[in-house]
N, C-alpha and C. Protein backbone atom coordinates (compact mmCIF):
# COMPACT_ATOMS: atom_id res chain seq x y z
N MET A 1 -39.83 265.11 22.74
CA MET A 1 -39.48 264.04 21.82
C MET A 1 -38.54 264.61 20.76
N PHE A 2 -37.45 263.89 20.52
CA PHE A 2 -36.46 264.32 19.53
C PHE A 2 -36.95 264.06 18.12
N SER A 3 -36.63 264.98 17.25
CA SER A 3 -36.93 264.76 15.84
C SER A 3 -35.69 264.17 15.18
N ILE A 4 -35.81 263.62 14.02
CA ILE A 4 -34.69 263.06 13.27
C ILE A 4 -33.67 264.15 12.99
N LYS A 5 -34.13 265.35 12.59
CA LYS A 5 -33.22 266.45 12.29
C LYS A 5 -32.42 266.85 13.52
N GLY A 6 -33.08 266.91 14.66
CA GLY A 6 -32.40 267.26 15.91
C GLY A 6 -31.34 266.23 16.26
N PHE A 7 -31.71 264.95 16.14
CA PHE A 7 -30.79 263.86 16.43
C PHE A 7 -29.58 263.91 15.49
N LEU A 8 -29.83 264.12 14.19
CA LEU A 8 -28.73 264.19 13.22
C LEU A 8 -27.83 265.39 13.48
N SER A 9 -28.42 266.51 13.90
CA SER A 9 -27.63 267.70 14.22
C SER A 9 -26.69 267.43 15.38
N ILE A 10 -27.20 266.75 16.40
CA ILE A 10 -26.37 266.42 17.57
C ILE A 10 -25.26 265.46 17.15
N MET A 11 -25.56 264.47 16.34
CA MET A 11 -24.55 263.50 15.88
C MET A 11 -23.48 264.20 15.05
N LEU A 12 -23.88 265.13 14.18
CA LEU A 12 -22.93 265.87 13.36
C LEU A 12 -22.00 266.70 14.23
N ALA A 13 -22.56 267.37 15.24
CA ALA A 13 -21.75 268.19 16.14
C ALA A 13 -20.74 267.32 16.89
N CYS A 14 -21.17 266.15 17.37
CA CYS A 14 -20.27 265.24 18.08
C CYS A 14 -19.16 264.73 17.17
N THR A 15 -19.51 264.40 15.93
CA THR A 15 -18.51 263.92 14.96
C THR A 15 -17.48 265.00 14.68
N CYS A 16 -17.93 266.23 14.50
CA CYS A 16 -17.01 267.35 14.24
C CYS A 16 -16.09 267.58 15.42
N ALA A 17 -16.64 267.52 16.63
CA ALA A 17 -15.83 267.72 17.84
C ALA A 17 -14.78 266.63 17.95
N ALA A 18 -15.17 265.39 17.68
CA ALA A 18 -14.22 264.28 17.76
C ALA A 18 -13.12 264.42 16.71
N ALA A 19 -13.48 264.85 15.51
CA ALA A 19 -12.49 265.02 14.44
C ALA A 19 -11.51 266.12 14.79
N CYS A 20 -12.01 267.22 15.34
CA CYS A 20 -11.12 268.32 15.75
C CYS A 20 -10.17 267.87 16.83
N ASN A 21 -10.65 267.09 17.78
CA ASN A 21 -9.82 266.59 18.86
C ASN A 21 -8.72 265.68 18.33
N GLN A 22 -9.05 264.83 17.35
CA GLN A 22 -8.04 263.96 16.76
C GLN A 22 -6.97 264.77 16.06
N THR A 23 -7.35 265.84 15.35
CA THR A 23 -6.38 266.70 14.67
C THR A 23 -5.46 267.36 15.69
N GLU A 24 -6.04 267.86 16.79
CA GLU A 24 -5.23 268.49 17.83
C GLU A 24 -4.26 267.47 18.42
N ASN A 25 -4.74 266.23 18.65
CA ASN A 25 -3.87 265.20 19.22
C ASN A 25 -2.72 264.88 18.27
N LYS A 26 -3.00 264.81 16.96
CA LYS A 26 -1.95 264.53 15.98
C LYS A 26 -0.92 265.65 15.98
N ASP A 27 -1.40 266.93 16.02
CA ASP A 27 -0.48 268.07 16.06
C ASP A 27 0.36 268.03 17.33
N LYS A 28 -0.27 267.69 18.45
CA LYS A 28 0.45 267.62 19.72
C LYS A 28 1.49 266.51 19.67
N GLN A 29 1.12 265.34 19.13
CA GLN A 29 2.06 264.23 19.01
C GLN A 29 3.22 264.60 18.11
N ALA A 30 2.94 265.29 17.00
CA ALA A 30 4.01 265.69 16.09
C ALA A 30 4.96 266.65 16.78
N THR A 31 4.43 267.59 17.58
CA THR A 31 5.27 268.53 18.31
C THR A 31 6.09 267.80 19.35
N GLU A 32 5.44 266.87 20.07
CA GLU A 32 6.17 266.11 21.08
C GLU A 32 7.26 265.26 20.45
N THR A 33 6.97 264.67 19.29
CA THR A 33 7.96 263.87 18.59
C THR A 33 9.13 264.74 18.17
N ALA A 34 8.84 265.91 17.61
CA ALA A 34 9.90 266.83 17.21
C ALA A 34 10.72 267.25 18.40
N THR A 35 10.06 267.49 19.54
CA THR A 35 10.76 267.91 20.74
C THR A 35 11.61 266.78 21.28
N SER A 36 11.08 265.56 21.29
CA SER A 36 11.82 264.44 21.86
C SER A 36 13.01 264.04 21.00
N THR A 37 13.05 264.44 19.74
CA THR A 37 14.18 264.09 18.90
C THR A 37 15.38 264.99 19.17
N ASN A 38 15.18 266.08 19.91
CA ASN A 38 16.29 266.96 20.26
C ASN A 38 17.14 266.26 21.31
N THR A 39 18.44 266.16 21.06
CA THR A 39 19.32 265.54 22.04
C THR A 39 19.92 266.57 22.97
N THR A 40 19.94 267.83 22.56
CA THR A 40 20.40 268.89 23.43
C THR A 40 19.37 270.00 23.40
N GLN A 41 19.48 270.92 24.36
CA GLN A 41 18.47 271.96 24.47
C GLN A 41 18.43 272.86 23.25
N ASN A 42 19.57 273.11 22.59
CA ASN A 42 19.57 274.03 21.46
C ASN A 42 19.62 273.32 20.12
N ALA A 43 19.41 272.02 20.11
CA ALA A 43 19.47 271.27 18.86
C ALA A 43 18.18 271.48 18.07
N LEU A 44 18.32 271.51 16.76
CA LEU A 44 17.15 271.58 15.89
C LEU A 44 16.56 270.19 15.78
N PRO A 45 15.27 270.07 15.48
CA PRO A 45 14.67 268.75 15.37
C PRO A 45 15.30 267.95 14.24
N VAL A 46 15.34 266.65 14.43
CA VAL A 46 15.88 265.77 13.40
C VAL A 46 14.79 265.51 12.38
N ASN A 47 15.13 265.71 11.12
CA ASN A 47 14.17 265.48 10.04
C ASN A 47 14.92 264.73 8.96
N ASN A 48 14.68 263.42 8.87
CA ASN A 48 15.38 262.62 7.87
C ASN A 48 14.96 262.96 6.45
N ASN A 49 13.81 263.58 6.29
CA ASN A 49 13.33 264.00 4.98
C ASN A 49 13.43 265.52 4.90
N THR A 50 14.64 266.04 4.84
CA THR A 50 14.84 267.47 4.83
C THR A 50 14.09 268.10 3.67
N ALA A 51 13.28 269.09 3.99
CA ALA A 51 12.49 269.77 2.97
C ALA A 51 13.39 270.67 2.15
N PRO A 52 13.12 270.81 0.86
CA PRO A 52 13.92 271.72 0.05
C PRO A 52 13.74 273.15 0.52
N SER A 53 14.75 273.98 0.27
CA SER A 53 14.73 275.35 0.77
C SER A 53 13.57 276.17 0.21
N THR A 54 12.98 275.74 -0.90
CA THR A 54 11.85 276.49 -1.44
C THR A 54 10.67 276.49 -0.48
N ASN A 55 10.62 275.53 0.44
CA ASN A 55 9.55 275.52 1.44
C ASN A 55 9.66 276.69 2.40
N LEU A 56 10.76 277.38 2.38
CA LEU A 56 10.93 278.55 3.23
C LEU A 56 10.09 279.73 2.77
N GLN A 57 9.80 279.78 1.48
CA GLN A 57 9.11 280.94 0.94
C GLN A 57 7.67 280.97 1.44
N ASP A 58 7.46 281.82 2.43
CA ASP A 58 6.13 281.99 2.99
C ASP A 58 6.21 283.05 4.07
N ILE A 59 5.11 283.19 4.77
CA ILE A 59 5.06 284.10 5.90
C ILE A 59 5.10 283.24 7.16
N TRP A 60 5.95 283.64 8.10
CA TRP A 60 6.18 282.87 9.32
C TRP A 60 5.92 283.74 10.54
N VAL A 61 5.17 283.22 11.50
CA VAL A 61 4.87 283.95 12.73
C VAL A 61 5.43 283.16 13.91
N LEU A 62 5.99 283.89 14.88
CA LEU A 62 6.57 283.23 16.05
C LEU A 62 5.52 282.42 16.78
N ASP A 63 5.84 281.16 17.03
CA ASP A 63 4.93 280.26 17.71
C ASP A 63 5.41 279.99 19.13
N SER A 64 6.73 279.75 19.27
CA SER A 64 7.27 279.45 20.59
C SER A 64 8.77 279.66 20.62
N ILE A 65 9.28 279.74 21.83
CA ILE A 65 10.72 279.82 22.07
C ILE A 65 11.05 278.63 22.95
N ASN A 66 11.90 277.74 22.44
CA ASN A 66 12.22 276.49 23.16
C ASN A 66 10.95 275.75 23.58
N ASN A 67 9.97 275.70 22.68
CA ASN A 67 8.70 275.00 22.88
C ASN A 67 7.84 275.61 23.98
N LYS A 68 8.08 276.86 24.33
CA LYS A 68 7.23 277.57 25.29
C LYS A 68 6.66 278.80 24.60
N ALA A 69 5.36 279.02 24.73
CA ALA A 69 4.72 280.18 24.11
C ALA A 69 5.30 281.46 24.72
N PRO A 70 5.67 282.42 23.87
CA PRO A 70 6.20 283.67 24.39
C PRO A 70 5.09 284.53 25.00
N ASP A 71 5.46 285.35 25.96
CA ASP A 71 4.52 286.27 26.58
C ASP A 71 4.23 287.38 25.60
N SER A 72 2.96 287.53 25.20
CA SER A 72 2.60 288.54 24.21
C SER A 72 2.87 289.95 24.72
N ASN A 73 3.03 290.14 26.03
CA ASN A 73 3.35 291.45 26.58
C ASN A 73 4.75 291.91 26.19
N TYR A 74 5.59 291.00 25.72
CA TYR A 74 6.96 291.35 25.30
C TYR A 74 6.94 292.17 24.02
N PHE A 75 5.90 292.03 23.22
CA PHE A 75 5.91 292.56 21.87
C PHE A 75 4.92 293.72 21.72
N ALA A 76 5.48 294.92 21.53
CA ALA A 76 4.68 296.14 21.44
C ALA A 76 3.77 296.16 20.21
N HIS A 77 4.20 295.51 19.12
CA HIS A 77 3.44 295.57 17.87
C HIS A 77 2.97 294.19 17.42
N GLY A 78 2.63 293.34 18.36
CA GLY A 78 2.12 292.01 18.02
C GLY A 78 3.22 290.98 17.90
N THR A 79 2.82 289.78 17.66
CA THR A 79 3.75 288.66 17.55
C THR A 79 4.68 288.85 16.35
N PRO A 80 5.97 288.58 16.53
CA PRO A 80 6.92 288.72 15.42
C PRO A 80 6.51 287.88 14.21
N VAL A 81 6.68 288.48 13.03
CA VAL A 81 6.29 287.81 11.79
C VAL A 81 7.30 288.20 10.70
N PHE A 82 7.64 287.21 9.85
CA PHE A 82 8.59 287.45 8.77
C PHE A 82 8.07 286.87 7.48
N ASP A 83 8.28 287.61 6.40
CA ASP A 83 7.93 287.17 5.06
C ASP A 83 9.24 286.86 4.35
N LEU A 84 9.48 285.58 4.11
CA LEU A 84 10.70 285.16 3.41
C LEU A 84 10.35 284.94 1.94
N ASN A 85 10.94 285.75 1.07
CA ASN A 85 10.67 285.66 -0.36
C ASN A 85 11.96 285.24 -1.06
N LEU A 86 12.05 283.96 -1.39
CA LEU A 86 13.28 283.43 -2.00
C LEU A 86 13.42 283.83 -3.45
N GLU A 87 12.31 284.10 -4.14
CA GLU A 87 12.39 284.54 -5.53
C GLU A 87 13.08 285.89 -5.63
N LYS A 88 12.70 286.79 -4.74
CA LYS A 88 13.30 288.12 -4.72
C LYS A 88 14.52 288.20 -3.79
N LYS A 89 14.74 287.13 -3.03
CA LYS A 89 15.84 287.05 -2.05
C LYS A 89 15.72 288.16 -1.00
N THR A 90 14.50 288.33 -0.47
CA THR A 90 14.25 289.36 0.52
C THR A 90 13.58 288.80 1.76
N VAL A 91 13.74 289.52 2.85
CA VAL A 91 13.05 289.25 4.10
C VAL A 91 12.42 290.57 4.55
N SER A 92 11.19 290.49 5.06
CA SER A 92 10.53 291.67 5.62
C SER A 92 9.65 291.21 6.76
N GLY A 93 9.23 292.16 7.56
CA GLY A 93 8.36 291.83 8.68
C GLY A 93 8.65 292.70 9.86
N HIS A 94 8.38 292.15 11.05
CA HIS A 94 8.71 292.90 12.26
C HIS A 94 9.07 291.94 13.38
N THR A 95 9.85 292.46 14.30
CA THR A 95 10.37 291.67 15.42
C THR A 95 9.43 291.67 16.61
N GLY A 96 8.27 292.25 16.45
CA GLY A 96 7.35 292.43 17.56
C GLY A 96 7.44 293.84 18.09
N CYS A 97 8.51 294.53 17.70
CA CYS A 97 8.73 295.91 18.11
C CYS A 97 9.12 296.75 16.90
N ASN A 98 10.15 296.35 16.21
CA ASN A 98 10.68 297.12 15.09
C ASN A 98 10.46 296.42 13.76
N GLY A 99 10.22 297.23 12.73
CA GLY A 99 10.11 296.71 11.38
C GLY A 99 11.48 296.27 10.89
N LEU A 100 11.49 295.32 9.96
CA LEU A 100 12.74 294.76 9.46
C LEU A 100 12.61 294.50 7.96
N ASN A 101 13.64 294.86 7.20
CA ASN A 101 13.72 294.57 5.76
C ASN A 101 15.17 294.25 5.43
N GLY A 102 15.37 293.40 4.45
CA GLY A 102 16.73 293.09 4.04
C GLY A 102 16.76 292.01 2.98
N LYS A 103 17.94 291.48 2.80
CA LYS A 103 18.16 290.43 1.82
C LYS A 103 18.41 289.11 2.54
N ILE A 104 18.10 288.01 1.85
CA ILE A 104 18.29 286.69 2.44
C ILE A 104 18.86 285.73 1.40
N GLN A 105 19.75 284.86 1.85
CA GLN A 105 20.28 283.78 1.02
C GLN A 105 20.12 282.49 1.81
N VAL A 106 19.97 281.39 1.09
CA VAL A 106 19.89 280.09 1.71
C VAL A 106 21.06 279.26 1.22
N LYS A 107 21.87 278.76 2.15
CA LYS A 107 22.99 277.89 1.81
C LYS A 107 22.88 276.67 2.69
N ASP A 108 22.58 275.53 2.06
CA ASP A 108 22.35 274.28 2.77
C ASP A 108 21.25 274.50 3.81
N GLU A 109 21.57 274.33 5.09
CA GLU A 109 20.57 274.52 6.14
C GLU A 109 20.87 275.79 6.94
N LYS A 110 21.34 276.82 6.25
CA LYS A 110 21.67 278.07 6.91
C LYS A 110 21.03 279.24 6.17
N LEU A 111 20.44 280.14 6.95
CA LEU A 111 19.88 281.37 6.41
C LEU A 111 20.90 282.48 6.64
N ILE A 112 21.22 283.19 5.58
CA ILE A 112 22.19 284.28 5.68
C ILE A 112 21.46 285.57 5.35
N PHE A 113 21.42 286.47 6.32
CA PHE A 113 20.73 287.75 6.17
C PHE A 113 21.77 288.82 5.88
N ASP A 114 21.40 289.77 5.00
CA ASP A 114 22.33 290.81 4.59
C ASP A 114 21.56 292.12 4.43
N SER A 115 22.25 293.21 4.62
CA SER A 115 21.68 294.55 4.41
C SER A 115 20.38 294.75 5.18
N LEU A 116 20.35 294.26 6.44
CA LEU A 116 19.15 294.41 7.24
C LEU A 116 18.95 295.86 7.67
N VAL A 117 17.75 296.35 7.47
CA VAL A 117 17.37 297.68 7.92
C VAL A 117 16.28 297.48 8.97
N VAL A 118 16.53 298.01 10.17
CA VAL A 118 15.61 297.82 11.29
C VAL A 118 15.26 299.18 11.86
N SER A 119 13.95 299.41 12.08
CA SER A 119 13.57 300.68 12.71
C SER A 119 14.13 300.71 14.14
N LYS A 120 14.07 301.86 14.80
CA LYS A 120 14.80 302.04 16.06
C LYS A 120 13.93 302.36 17.26
N GLU A 121 12.81 301.68 17.44
CA GLU A 121 12.01 301.88 18.64
C GLU A 121 12.68 301.17 19.80
N VAL A 122 12.49 301.69 21.01
CA VAL A 122 12.98 301.02 22.21
C VAL A 122 12.02 299.88 22.52
N CYS A 123 12.57 298.70 22.71
CA CYS A 123 11.74 297.51 22.89
C CYS A 123 11.80 296.99 24.32
N LYS A 124 10.67 296.53 24.80
CA LYS A 124 10.58 295.88 26.11
C LYS A 124 10.29 294.40 25.87
N ASP A 125 11.18 293.74 25.16
CA ASP A 125 10.93 292.37 24.73
C ASP A 125 11.82 291.35 25.43
N LYS A 126 12.41 291.74 26.54
CA LYS A 126 13.27 290.84 27.33
C LYS A 126 14.40 290.25 26.51
N GLY A 127 14.94 291.01 25.57
CA GLY A 127 16.10 290.60 24.79
C GLY A 127 15.80 289.80 23.54
N PHE A 128 14.54 289.55 23.24
CA PHE A 128 14.18 288.76 22.07
C PHE A 128 14.78 289.36 20.80
N GLU A 129 14.51 290.66 20.55
CA GLU A 129 14.96 291.29 19.31
C GLU A 129 16.48 291.33 19.22
N LYS A 130 17.14 291.67 20.31
CA LYS A 130 18.61 291.76 20.31
C LYS A 130 19.22 290.40 19.96
N LYS A 131 18.71 289.35 20.56
CA LYS A 131 19.22 288.00 20.30
C LYS A 131 18.95 287.59 18.85
N LEU A 132 17.75 287.91 18.37
CA LEU A 132 17.36 287.56 17.00
C LEU A 132 18.26 288.27 15.98
N LEU A 133 18.43 289.57 16.14
CA LEU A 133 19.24 290.34 15.19
C LEU A 133 20.71 289.94 15.22
N LYS A 134 21.21 289.62 16.39
CA LYS A 134 22.60 289.15 16.51
C LYS A 134 22.76 287.84 15.72
N ALA A 135 21.80 286.94 15.88
CA ALA A 135 21.85 285.66 15.15
C ALA A 135 21.70 285.89 13.65
N PHE A 136 20.79 286.78 13.25
CA PHE A 136 20.60 287.08 11.84
C PHE A 136 21.89 287.60 11.22
N ASN A 137 22.63 288.41 11.95
CA ASN A 137 23.87 288.97 11.42
C ASN A 137 24.97 287.93 11.25
N SER A 138 24.91 286.83 12.00
CA SER A 138 25.93 285.80 11.87
C SER A 138 25.46 284.59 11.08
N GLY A 139 24.18 284.54 10.74
CA GLY A 139 23.62 283.40 10.00
C GLY A 139 22.92 282.45 10.96
N VAL A 140 21.84 281.86 10.52
CA VAL A 140 20.99 281.04 11.37
C VAL A 140 20.82 279.66 10.73
N THR A 141 21.09 278.61 11.50
CA THR A 141 20.77 277.28 11.00
C THR A 141 19.28 277.04 11.24
N TYR A 142 18.69 276.24 10.36
CA TYR A 142 17.25 276.04 10.44
C TYR A 142 16.86 274.64 9.98
N LYS A 143 15.65 274.26 10.35
CA LYS A 143 14.98 273.05 9.86
C LYS A 143 13.52 273.38 9.69
N ILE A 144 12.87 272.71 8.75
CA ILE A 144 11.43 272.81 8.60
C ILE A 144 10.86 271.43 8.87
N LEU A 145 9.88 271.38 9.77
CA LEU A 145 9.25 270.13 10.13
C LEU A 145 7.79 270.41 10.47
N ASN A 146 6.87 269.74 9.79
CA ASN A 146 5.43 269.89 10.06
C ASN A 146 4.98 271.35 9.98
N ASP A 147 5.38 272.04 8.90
CA ASP A 147 5.00 273.44 8.69
C ASP A 147 5.47 274.36 9.81
N LYS A 148 6.55 273.99 10.47
CA LYS A 148 7.16 274.84 11.49
C LYS A 148 8.62 275.06 11.10
N LEU A 149 9.06 276.29 11.28
CA LEU A 149 10.43 276.68 10.98
C LEU A 149 11.17 276.81 12.30
N TYR A 150 12.16 275.95 12.51
CA TYR A 150 12.96 275.96 13.72
C TYR A 150 14.26 276.70 13.41
N MET A 151 14.49 277.82 14.11
CA MET A 151 15.70 278.61 13.92
C MET A 151 16.56 278.51 15.17
N ASN A 152 17.78 278.02 14.98
CA ASN A 152 18.72 277.94 16.09
C ASN A 152 19.35 279.32 16.25
N ILE A 153 18.89 280.08 17.22
CA ILE A 153 19.29 281.47 17.40
C ILE A 153 20.60 281.57 18.18
N GLY A 154 20.88 280.63 19.02
CA GLY A 154 22.11 280.66 19.80
C GLY A 154 22.09 279.51 20.79
N PRO A 155 23.13 279.41 21.59
CA PRO A 155 23.19 278.32 22.56
C PRO A 155 21.95 278.30 23.46
N GLY A 156 21.25 277.18 23.42
CA GLY A 156 20.07 277.01 24.26
C GLY A 156 18.82 277.72 23.79
N THR A 157 18.82 278.27 22.57
CA THR A 157 17.64 279.03 22.12
C THR A 157 17.23 278.63 20.71
N VAL A 158 16.02 278.09 20.60
CA VAL A 158 15.42 277.77 19.31
C VAL A 158 14.10 278.53 19.22
N TYR A 159 14.00 279.40 18.21
CA TYR A 159 12.76 280.11 17.94
C TYR A 159 11.99 279.27 16.93
N ILE A 160 10.72 279.01 17.23
CA ILE A 160 9.89 278.18 16.37
C ILE A 160 8.79 279.05 15.77
N PHE A 161 8.75 279.07 14.45
CA PHE A 161 7.76 279.86 13.72
C PHE A 161 6.81 278.92 13.02
N ARG A 162 5.54 279.29 12.96
CA ARG A 162 4.58 278.49 12.21
C ARG A 162 4.27 279.21 10.90
N ARG A 163 3.99 278.41 9.90
CA ARG A 163 3.73 278.91 8.55
C ARG A 163 2.34 279.52 8.47
N ILE A 164 2.27 280.67 7.80
CA ILE A 164 0.99 281.28 7.45
C ILE A 164 0.97 281.34 5.94
N ARG A 165 0.09 280.65 5.33
CA ARG A 165 0.04 280.60 3.86
C ARG A 165 -0.32 281.96 3.29
N ARG A 166 0.31 282.29 2.16
CA ARG A 166 0.01 283.54 1.47
C ARG A 166 -1.38 283.51 0.90
């Protein structure tokens, strides 16, 4: 025979599970909406409410490349992560293989990296780091949508980073 406490515990667990599922569905719908707004493979998502550049100041970890999760085996030192500090105008972090430090400027919807210092380990990342650094040296267009940073790295390549709060 069930007790009231047992019944309430089961109801609470079911309610929590349903709420988590709704949150996941909303996140999935937001990602699908952002993806469907791209008219070309390398286009950044359309965001009619462009966030101010101060929203860039945070820690960002690679979430996907062209909406596909990257193979973690590509990265010798974990998933690439960058700390963008607009107050100090600096960038730091690692590419998944090599450490990176330098200066950053924001002009409109473009990130301009300068004085980048990168350690020199040999990487087995299938070209991720090379493509990223090449784009950083020429400037990267970006958008922020739903706490995700979309960086247009080159033709047909969008690196998507998710925000990690400080």
